[in-house]
PDB file of N, CA and C in Angstrom:
ATOM      1  N   MET A   1      30.889 -14.791 -17.809  1.00  0.00           N
ATOM      2  CA  MET A   1      31.193 -14.103 -16.571  1.00  0.00           C
ATOM      3  C   MET A   1      31.895 -15.025 -15.585  1.00  0.00           C
ATOM      4  N   ARG A   2      31.795 -16.316 -15.807  1.00  0.00           N
ATOM      5  CA  ARG A   2      32.490 -17.221 -14.890  1.00  0.00           C
ATOM      6  C   ARG A   2      33.992 -16.994 -14.926  1.00  0.00           C
ATOM      7  N   ARG A   3      34.478 -16.609 -16.102  1.00  0.00           N
ATOM      8  CA  ARG A   3      35.905 -16.330 -16.224  1.00  0.00           C
ATOM      9  C   ARG A   3      36.331 -15.242 -15.260  1.00  0.00           C
ATOM     10  N   GLU A   4      35.426 -14.263 -15.056  1.00  0.00           N
ATOM     11  CA  GLU A   4      35.731 -13.119 -14.205  1.00  0.00           C
ATOM     12  C   GLU A   4      35.500 -13.413 -12.722  1.00  0.00           C
ATOM     13  N   GLY A   5      34.983 -14.609 -12.416  1.00  0.00           N
ATOM     14  CA  GLY A   5      34.751 -14.966 -11.020  1.00  0.00           C
ATOM     15  C   GLY A   5      33.357 -14.604 -10.522  1.00  0.00           C
ATOM     16  N   PHE A   6      32.449 -14.260 -11.438  1.00  0.00           N
ATOM     17  CA  PHE A   6      31.077 -13.927 -11.073  1.00  0.00           C
ATOM     18  C   PHE A   6      30.148 -15.022 -11.567  1.00  0.00           C
ATOM     19  N   GLU A   7      29.095 -15.261 -10.807  1.00  0.00           N
ATOM     20  CA  GLU A   7      28.102 -16.229 -11.233  1.00  0.00           C
ATOM     21  C   GLU A   7      26.725 -15.653 -10.933  1.00  0.00           C
ATOM     22  N   LEU A   8      25.765 -15.841 -11.825  1.00  0.00           N
ATOM     23  CA  LEU A   8      24.438 -15.256 -11.698  1.00  0.00           C
ATOM     24  C   LEU A   8      23.385 -16.355 -11.771  1.00  0.00           C
ATOM     25  N   THR A   9      22.432 -16.281 -10.856  1.00  0.00           N
ATOM     26  CA  THR A   9      21.318 -17.215 -10.880  1.00  0.00           C
ATOM     27  C   THR A   9      20.032 -16.422 -10.982  1.00  0.00           C
ATOM     28  N   VAL A  10      19.134 -16.843 -11.869  1.00  0.00           N
ATOM     29  CA  VAL A  10      17.859 -16.169 -12.039  1.00  0.00           C
ATOM     30  C   VAL A  10      16.772 -17.102 -11.528  1.00  0.00           C
ATOM     31  N   GLY A  11      15.885 -16.555 -10.697  1.00  0.00           N
ATOM     32  CA  GLY A  11      14.797 -17.355 -10.152  1.00  0.00           C
ATOM     33  C   GLY A  11      13.499 -16.579 -10.157  1.00  0.00           C
ATOM     34  N   LYS A  12      12.467 -17.224  -9.654  1.00  0.00           N
ATOM     35  CA  LYS A  12      11.145 -16.621  -9.582  1.00  0.00           C
ATOM     36  C   LYS A  12      11.190 -15.436  -8.609  1.00  0.00           C
ATOM     37  N   PRO A  13      10.568 -14.282  -8.961  1.00  0.00           N
ATOM     38  CA  PRO A  13      10.581 -13.138  -8.052  1.00  0.00           C
ATOM     39  C   PRO A  13       9.821 -13.450  -6.760  1.00  0.00           C
ATOM     40  N   GLN A  14      10.296 -12.899  -5.669  1.00  0.00           N
ATOM     41  CA  GLN A  14       9.661 -13.090  -4.369  1.00  0.00           C
ATOM     42  C   GLN A  14       9.432 -11.735  -3.724  1.00  0.00           C
ATOM     43  N   VAL A  15       8.362 -11.652  -2.944  1.00  0.00           N
ATOM     44  CA  VAL A  15       8.049 -10.421  -2.230  1.00  0.00           C
ATOM     45  C   VAL A  15       8.998 -10.286  -1.049  1.00  0.00           C
ATOM     46  N   VAL A  16       9.538  -9.093  -0.880  1.00  0.00           N
ATOM     47  CA  VAL A  16      10.418  -8.822   0.248  1.00  0.00           C
ATOM     48  C   VAL A  16       9.536  -8.393   1.414  1.00  0.00           C
ATOM     49  N   THR A  17       9.497  -9.194   2.458  1.00  0.00           N
ATOM     50  CA  THR A  17       8.677  -8.865   3.627  1.00  0.00           C
ATOM     51  C   THR A  17       9.580  -8.578   4.812  1.00  0.00           C
ATOM     52  N   LYS A  18       9.003  -7.909   5.797  1.00  0.00           N
ATOM     53  CA  LYS A  18       9.740  -7.551   6.997  1.00  0.00           C
ATOM     54  C   LYS A  18       8.841  -7.852   8.195  1.00  0.00           C
ATOM     55  N   ILE A  19       9.388  -8.438   9.235  1.00  0.00           N
ATOM     56  CA  ILE A  19       8.608  -8.721  10.439  1.00  0.00           C
ATOM     57  C   ILE A  19       8.895  -7.631  11.466  1.00  0.00           C
ATOM     58  N   VAL A  20       7.822  -6.904  11.841  1.00  0.00           N
ATOM     59  CA  VAL A  20       7.921  -5.826  12.821  1.00  0.00           C
ATOM     60  C   VAL A  20       6.914  -6.122  13.922  1.00  0.00           C
ATOM     61  N   ASP A  21       7.388  -6.234  15.151  1.00  0.00           N
ATOM     62  CA  ASP A  21       6.534  -6.533  16.306  1.00  0.00           C
ATOM     63  C   ASP A  21       5.681  -7.773  16.082  1.00  0.00           C
ATOM     64  N   GLY A  22       6.238  -8.791  15.460  1.00  0.00           N
ATOM     65  CA  GLY A  22       5.535 -10.043  15.247  1.00  0.00           C
ATOM     66  C   GLY A  22       4.552 -10.036  14.088  1.00  0.00           C
ATOM     67  N   LYS A  23       4.417  -8.929  13.366  1.00  0.00           N
ATOM     68  CA  LYS A  23       3.511  -8.849  12.216  1.00  0.00           C
ATOM     69  C   LYS A  23       4.327  -8.765  10.933  1.00  0.00           C
ATOM     70  N   VAL A  24       3.848  -9.454   9.898  1.00  0.00           N
ATOM     71  CA  VAL A  24       4.527  -9.431   8.606  1.00  0.00           C
ATOM     72  C   VAL A  24       4.063  -8.202   7.827  1.00  0.00           C
ATOM     73  N   HIS A  25       5.026  -7.401   7.394  1.00  0.00           N
ATOM     74  CA  HIS A  25       4.738  -6.210   6.592  1.00  0.00           C
ATOM     75  C   HIS A  25       5.296  -6.421   5.195  1.00  0.00           C
ATOM     76  N   GLU A  26       4.522  -5.989   4.184  1.00  0.00           N
ATOM     77  CA  GLU A  26       5.000  -6.073   2.811  1.00  0.00           C
ATOM     78  C   GLU A  26       4.965  -4.683   2.180  1.00  0.00           C
ATOM     79  N   PRO A  27       5.800  -4.449   1.180  1.00  0.00           N
ATOM     80  CA  PRO A  27       5.827  -3.123   0.559  1.00  0.00           C
ATOM     81  C   PRO A  27       4.523  -2.827  -0.185  1.00  0.00           C
ATOM     82  N   VAL A  28       4.130  -1.553  -0.169  1.00  0.00           N
ATOM     83  CA  VAL A  28       2.925  -1.130  -0.880  1.00  0.00           C
ATOM     84  C   VAL A  28       3.254   0.058  -1.772  1.00  0.00           C
ATOM     85  N   GLU A  29       2.464   0.208  -2.812  1.00  0.00           N
ATOM     86  CA  GLU A  29       2.569   1.356  -3.708  1.00  0.00           C
ATOM     87  C   GLU A  29       1.409   2.289  -3.399  1.00  0.00           C
ATOM     88  N   HIS A  30       1.685   3.577  -3.287  1.00  0.00           N
ATOM     89  CA  HIS A  30       0.622   4.571  -3.139  1.00  0.00           C
ATOM     90  C   HIS A  30       0.213   4.987  -4.541  1.00  0.00           C
ATOM     91  N   VAL A  31      -1.073   4.860  -4.835  1.00  0.00           N
ATOM     92  CA  VAL A  31      -1.547   5.138  -6.188  1.00  0.00           C
ATOM     93  C   VAL A  31      -2.533   6.298  -6.215  1.00  0.00           C
ATOM     94  N   THR A  32      -2.496   7.044  -7.294  1.00  0.00           N
ATOM     95  CA  THR A  32      -3.466   8.098  -7.573  1.00  0.00           C
ATOM     96  C   THR A  32      -4.006   7.817  -8.960  1.00  0.00           C
ATOM     97  N   ILE A  33      -5.319   7.707  -9.064  1.00  0.00           N
ATOM     98  CA  ILE A  33      -5.946   7.385 -10.342  1.00  0.00           C
ATOM     99  C   ILE A  33      -6.978   8.450 -10.660  1.00  0.00           C
ATOM    100  N   ASP A  34      -6.930   8.964 -11.869  1.00  0.00           N
ATOM    101  CA  ASP A  34      -7.910   9.929 -12.364  1.00  0.00           C
ATOM    102  C   ASP A  34      -8.586   9.262 -13.549  1.00  0.00           C
ATOM    103  N   VAL A  35      -9.883   8.961 -13.412  1.00  0.00           N
ATOM    104  CA  VAL A  35     -10.563   8.166 -14.417  1.00  0.00           C
ATOM    105  C   VAL A  35     -11.965   8.730 -14.670  1.00  0.00           C
ATOM    106  N   PRO A  36     -12.486   8.614 -15.896  1.00  0.00           N
ATOM    107  CA  PRO A  36     -13.871   9.028 -16.138  1.00  0.00           C
ATOM    108  C   PRO A  36     -14.832   8.189 -15.280  1.00  0.00           C
ATOM    109  N   GLU A  37     -15.916   8.804 -14.874  1.00  0.00           N
ATOM    110  CA  GLU A  37     -16.853   8.176 -13.937  1.00  0.00           C
ATOM    111  C   GLU A  37     -17.380   6.829 -14.432  1.00  0.00           C
ATOM    112  N   GLU A  38     -17.566   6.666 -15.722  1.00  0.00           N
ATOM    113  CA  GLU A  38     -18.135   5.412 -16.222  1.00  0.00           C
ATOM    114  C   GLU A  38     -17.194   4.212 -16.096  1.00  0.00           C
ATOM    115  N   PHE A  39     -15.898   4.454 -15.835  1.00  0.00           N
ATOM    116  CA  PHE A  39     -14.940   3.364 -15.702  1.00  0.00           C
ATOM    117  C   PHE A  39     -14.550   3.063 -14.258  1.00  0.00           C
ATOM    118  N   VAL A  40     -15.167   3.719 -13.297  1.00  0.00           N
ATOM    119  CA  VAL A  40     -14.812   3.524 -11.886  1.00  0.00           C
ATOM    120  C   VAL A  40     -15.006   2.074 -11.466  1.00  0.00           C
ATOM    121  N   GLY A  41     -16.090   1.446 -11.895  1.00  0.00           N
ATOM    122  CA  GLY A  41     -16.349   0.047 -11.534  1.00  0.00           C
ATOM    123  C   GLY A  41     -15.260  -0.887 -12.029  1.00  0.00           C
ATOM    124  N   ASN A  42     -14.834  -0.689 -13.264  1.00  0.00           N
ATOM    125  CA  ASN A  42     -13.769  -1.528 -13.826  1.00  0.00           C
ATOM    126  C   ASN A  42     -12.453  -1.350 -13.077  1.00  0.00           C
ATOM    127  N   VAL A  43     -12.096  -0.103 -12.792  1.00  0.00           N
ATOM    128  CA  VAL A  43     -10.845   0.182 -12.085  1.00  0.00           C
ATOM    129  C   VAL A  43     -10.887  -0.399 -10.669  1.00  0.00           C
ATOM    130  N   THR A  44     -12.011  -0.230  -9.979  1.00  0.00           N
ATOM    131  CA  THR A  44     -12.152  -0.755  -8.629  1.00  0.00           C
ATOM    132  C   THR A  44     -12.015  -2.276  -8.623  1.00  0.00           C
ATOM    133  N   THR A  45     -12.618  -2.941  -9.603  1.00  0.00           N
ATOM    134  CA  THR A  45     -12.519  -4.398  -9.693  1.00  0.00           C
ATOM    135  C   THR A  45     -11.076  -4.841  -9.913  1.00  0.00           C
ATOM    136  N   LEU A  46     -10.370  -4.170 -10.821  1.00  0.00           N
ATOM    137  CA  LEU A  46      -8.977  -4.529 -11.087  1.00  0.00           C
ATOM    138  C   LEU A  46      -8.092  -4.317  -9.857  1.00  0.00           C
ATOM    139  N   LEU A  47      -8.311  -3.226  -9.141  1.00  0.00           N
ATOM    140  CA  LEU A  47      -7.510  -2.974  -7.946  1.00  0.00           C
ATOM    141  C   LEU A  47      -7.860  -3.943  -6.822  1.00  0.00           C
ATOM    142  N   ALA A  48      -9.111  -4.354  -6.733  1.00  0.00           N
ATOM    143  CA  ALA A  48      -9.513  -5.311  -5.701  1.00  0.00           C
ATOM    144  C   ALA A  48      -8.841  -6.668  -5.913  1.00  0.00           C
ATOM    145  N   THR A  49      -8.624  -7.051  -7.173  1.00  0.00           N
ATOM    146  CA  THR A  49      -7.945  -8.325  -7.434  1.00  0.00           C
ATOM    147  C   THR A  49      -6.494  -8.287  -6.969  1.00  0.00           C
ATOM    148  N   ARG A  50      -5.944  -7.075  -6.847  1.00  0.00           N
ATOM    149  CA  ARG A  50      -4.571  -6.922  -6.344  1.00  0.00           C
ATOM    150  C   ARG A  50      -4.541  -6.546  -4.873  1.00  0.00           C
ATOM    151  N   LYS A  51      -5.678  -6.684  -4.180  1.00  0.00           N
ATOM    152  CA  LYS A  51      -5.829  -6.373  -2.754  1.00  0.00           C
ATOM    153  C   LYS A  51      -5.575  -4.895  -2.464  1.00  0.00           C
ATOM    154  N   GLY A  52      -5.984  -4.041  -3.383  1.00  0.00           N
ATOM    155  CA  GLY A  52      -5.833  -2.603  -3.196  1.00  0.00           C
ATOM    156  C   GLY A  52      -6.871  -2.053  -2.232  1.00  0.00           C
ATOM    157  N   THR A  53      -6.518  -0.988  -1.542  1.00  0.00           N
ATOM    158  CA  THR A  53      -7.453  -0.328  -0.637  1.00  0.00           C
ATOM    159  C   THR A  53      -7.589   1.130  -1.040  1.00  0.00           C
ATOM    160  N   MET A  54      -8.798   1.651  -0.913  1.00  0.00           N
ATOM    161  CA  MET A  54      -9.058   3.043  -1.256  1.00  0.00           C
ATOM    162  C   MET A  54      -9.016   3.867   0.026  1.00  0.00           C
ATOM    163  N   THR A  55      -8.231   4.947   0.014  1.00  0.00           N
ATOM    164  CA  THR A  55      -8.201   5.833   1.173  1.00  0.00           C
ATOM    165  C   THR A  55      -9.187   6.972   1.011  1.00  0.00           C
ATOM    166  N   THR A  56      -9.168   7.630  -0.128  1.00  0.00           N
ATOM    167  CA  THR A  56     -10.114   8.722  -0.380  1.00  0.00           C
ATOM    168  C   THR A  56     -10.450   8.770  -1.862  1.00  0.00           C
ATOM    169  N   TRP A  57     -11.555   9.421  -2.173  1.00  0.00           N
ATOM    170  CA  TRP A  57     -11.920   9.653  -3.563  1.00  0.00           C
ATOM    171  C   TRP A  57     -12.777  10.903  -3.635  1.00  0.00           C
ATOM    172  N   SER A  58     -12.795  11.508  -4.818  1.00  0.00           N
ATOM    173  CA  SER A  58     -13.624  12.684  -5.029  1.00  0.00           C
ATOM    174  C   SER A  58     -14.010  12.744  -6.501  1.00  0.00           C
ATOM    175  N   THR A  59     -15.143  13.397  -6.780  1.00  0.00           N
ATOM    176  CA  THR A  59     -15.573  13.562  -8.168  1.00  0.00           C
ATOM    177  C   THR A  59     -15.451  15.023  -8.559  1.00  0.00           C
ATOM    178  N   THR A  60     -15.142  15.236  -9.806  1.00  0.00           N
ATOM    179  CA  THR A  60     -15.068  16.598 -10.327  1.00  0.00           C
ATOM    180  C   THR A  60     -15.806  16.645 -11.656  1.00  0.00           C
ATOM    181  N   ALA A  61     -16.479  17.735 -11.901  1.00  0.00           N
ATOM    182  CA  ALA A  61     -17.162  17.928 -13.181  1.00  0.00           C
ATOM    183  C   ALA A  61     -16.352  18.912 -13.999  1.00  0.00           C
ATOM    184  N   PRO A  62     -16.087  18.591 -15.271  1.00  0.00           N
ATOM    185  CA  PRO A  62     -15.343  19.526 -16.111  1.00  0.00           C
ATOM    186  C   PRO A  62     -16.145  20.806 -16.356  1.00  0.00           C
ATOM    187  N   VAL A  63     -15.439  21.858 -16.718  1.00  0.00           N
ATOM    188  CA  VAL A  63     -16.096  23.123 -17.036  1.00  0.00           C
ATOM    189  C   VAL A  63     -17.026  22.885 -18.219  1.00  0.00           C
ATOM    190  N   GLY A  64     -18.239  23.379 -18.142  1.00  0.00           N
ATOM    191  CA  GLY A  64     -19.203  23.167 -19.217  1.00  0.00           C
ATOM    192  C   GLY A  64     -19.739  21.750 -19.243  1.00  0.00           C
ATOM    193  N   PHE A  65     -19.780  21.095 -18.091  1.00  0.00           N
ATOM    194  CA  PHE A  65     -20.185  19.688 -17.978  1.00  0.00           C
ATOM    195  C   PHE A  65     -21.498  19.403 -18.691  1.00  0.00           C
ATOM    196  N   VAL A  66     -22.503  20.233 -18.496  1.00  0.00           N
ATOM    197  CA  VAL A  66     -23.817  19.977 -19.066  1.00  0.00           C
ATOM    198  C   VAL A  66     -23.816  20.191 -20.574  1.00  0.00           C
ATOM    199  N   SER A  67     -23.129  21.241 -21.030  1.00  0.00           N
ATOM    200  CA  SER A  67     -23.245  21.603 -22.439  1.00  0.00           C
ATOM    201  C   SER A  67     -22.412  20.746 -23.385  1.00  0.00           C
ATOM    202  N   ASN A  68     -21.197  20.362 -23.006  1.00  0.00           N
ATOM    203  CA  ASN A  68     -20.361  19.670 -23.989  1.00  0.00           C
ATOM    204  C   ASN A  68     -20.372  18.148 -23.855  1.00  0.00           C
ATOM    205  N   GLY A  69     -21.124  17.591 -22.935  1.00  0.00           N
ATOM    206  CA  GLY A  69     -21.283  16.153 -22.840  1.00  0.00           C
ATOM    207  C   GLY A  69     -20.119  15.397 -22.231  1.00  0.00           C
ATOM    208  N   GLU A  70     -19.106  16.090 -21.719  1.00  0.00           N
ATOM    209  CA  GLU A  70     -17.997  15.388 -21.065  1.00  0.00           C
ATOM    210  C   GLU A  70     -18.495  14.739 -19.781  1.00  0.00           C
ATOM    211  N   SER A  71     -17.903  13.605 -19.434  1.00  0.00           N
ATOM    212  CA  SER A  71     -18.320  12.917 -18.220  1.00  0.00           C
ATOM    213  C   SER A  71     -17.557  13.448 -17.013  1.00  0.00           C
ATOM    214  N   ARG A  72     -18.121  13.180 -15.860  1.00  0.00           N
ATOM    215  CA  ARG A  72     -17.429  13.529 -14.621  1.00  0.00           C
ATOM    216  C   ARG A  72     -16.167  12.680 -14.508  1.00  0.00           C
ATOM    217  N   ARG A  73     -15.235  13.157 -13.712  1.00  0.00           N
ATOM    218  CA  ARG A  73     -14.005  12.407 -13.470  1.00  0.00           C
ATOM    219  C   ARG A  73     -13.929  12.077 -11.993  1.00  0.00           C
ATOM    220  N   VAL A  74     -13.320  10.953 -11.687  1.00  0.00           N
ATOM    221  CA  VAL A  74     -13.163  10.516 -10.304  1.00  0.00           C
ATOM    222  C   VAL A  74     -11.672  10.444  -9.998  1.00  0.00           C
ATOM    223  N   ASP A  75     -11.273  11.072  -8.912  1.00  0.00           N
ATOM    224  CA  ASP A  75      -9.896  10.980  -8.410  1.00  0.00           C
ATOM    225  C   ASP A  75      -9.909   9.962  -7.282  1.00  0.00           C
ATOM    226  N   TRP A  76      -9.048   8.960  -7.375  1.00  0.00           N
ATOM    227  CA  TRP A  76      -9.027   7.831  -6.465  1.00  0.00           C
ATOM    228  C   TRP A  76      -7.630   7.740  -5.868  1.00  0.00           C
ATOM    229  N   TRP A  77      -7.517   7.715  -4.544  1.00  0.00           N
ATOM    230  CA  TRP A  77      -6.231   7.570  -3.870  1.00  0.00           C
ATOM    231  C   TRP A  77      -6.270   6.320  -3.013  1.00  0.00           C
ATOM    232  N   GLY A  78      -5.194   5.559  -3.025  1.00  0.00           N
ATOM    233  CA  GLY A  78      -5.170   4.352  -2.228  1.00  0.00           C
ATOM    234  C   GLY A  78      -3.813   3.691  -2.230  1.00  0.00           C
ATOM    235  N   CYS A  79      -3.781   2.437  -1.762  1.00  0.00           N
ATOM    236  CA  CYS A  79      -2.564   1.668  -1.656  1.00  0.00           C
ATOM    237  C   CYS A  79      -2.776   0.292  -2.286  1.00  0.00           C
ATOM    238  N   VAL A  80      -1.741  -0.218  -2.939  1.00  0.00           N
ATOM    239  CA  VAL A  80      -1.793  -1.540  -3.543  1.00  0.00           C
ATOM    240  C   VAL A  80      -0.522  -2.269  -3.133  1.00  0.00           C
ATOM    241  N   PRO A  81      -0.648  -3.513  -2.614  1.00  0.00           N
ATOM    242  CA  PRO A  81       0.563  -4.269  -2.271  1.00  0.00           C
ATOM    243  C   PRO A  81       1.472  -4.436  -3.486  1.00  0.00           C
ATOM    244  N   ASN A  82       2.738  -4.461  -3.235  1.00  0.00           N
ATOM    245  CA  ASN A  82       3.738  -4.512  -4.285  1.00  0.00           C
ATOM    246  C   ASN A  82       3.998  -5.933  -4.768  1.00  0.00           C
ATOM    247  N   SER A  83       3.174  -6.881  -4.348  1.00  0.00           N
ATOM    248  CA  SER A  83       3.409  -8.269  -4.735  1.00  0.00           C
ATOM    249  C   SER A  83       2.655  -8.660  -5.970  1.00  0.00           C
TER     250      SER A  83
END
């Protein structure tokens, strides 16, 4: 590509931040997670390592919950920094 007058450099990725009113803001991802109830602890731990925050959550029981042995499901909504 040097022949064409272009040059490319590859480096370590960096978080794009923006300073607004003296505070540093970083991009975040809005996440929605639907997981069986028995895995909520694992998911919460993994998201906490990425500094994720939970905004709301709710549990739902599948139709025939008692009879067919399916577990409850948890819907989790929150934000995770993009870094």
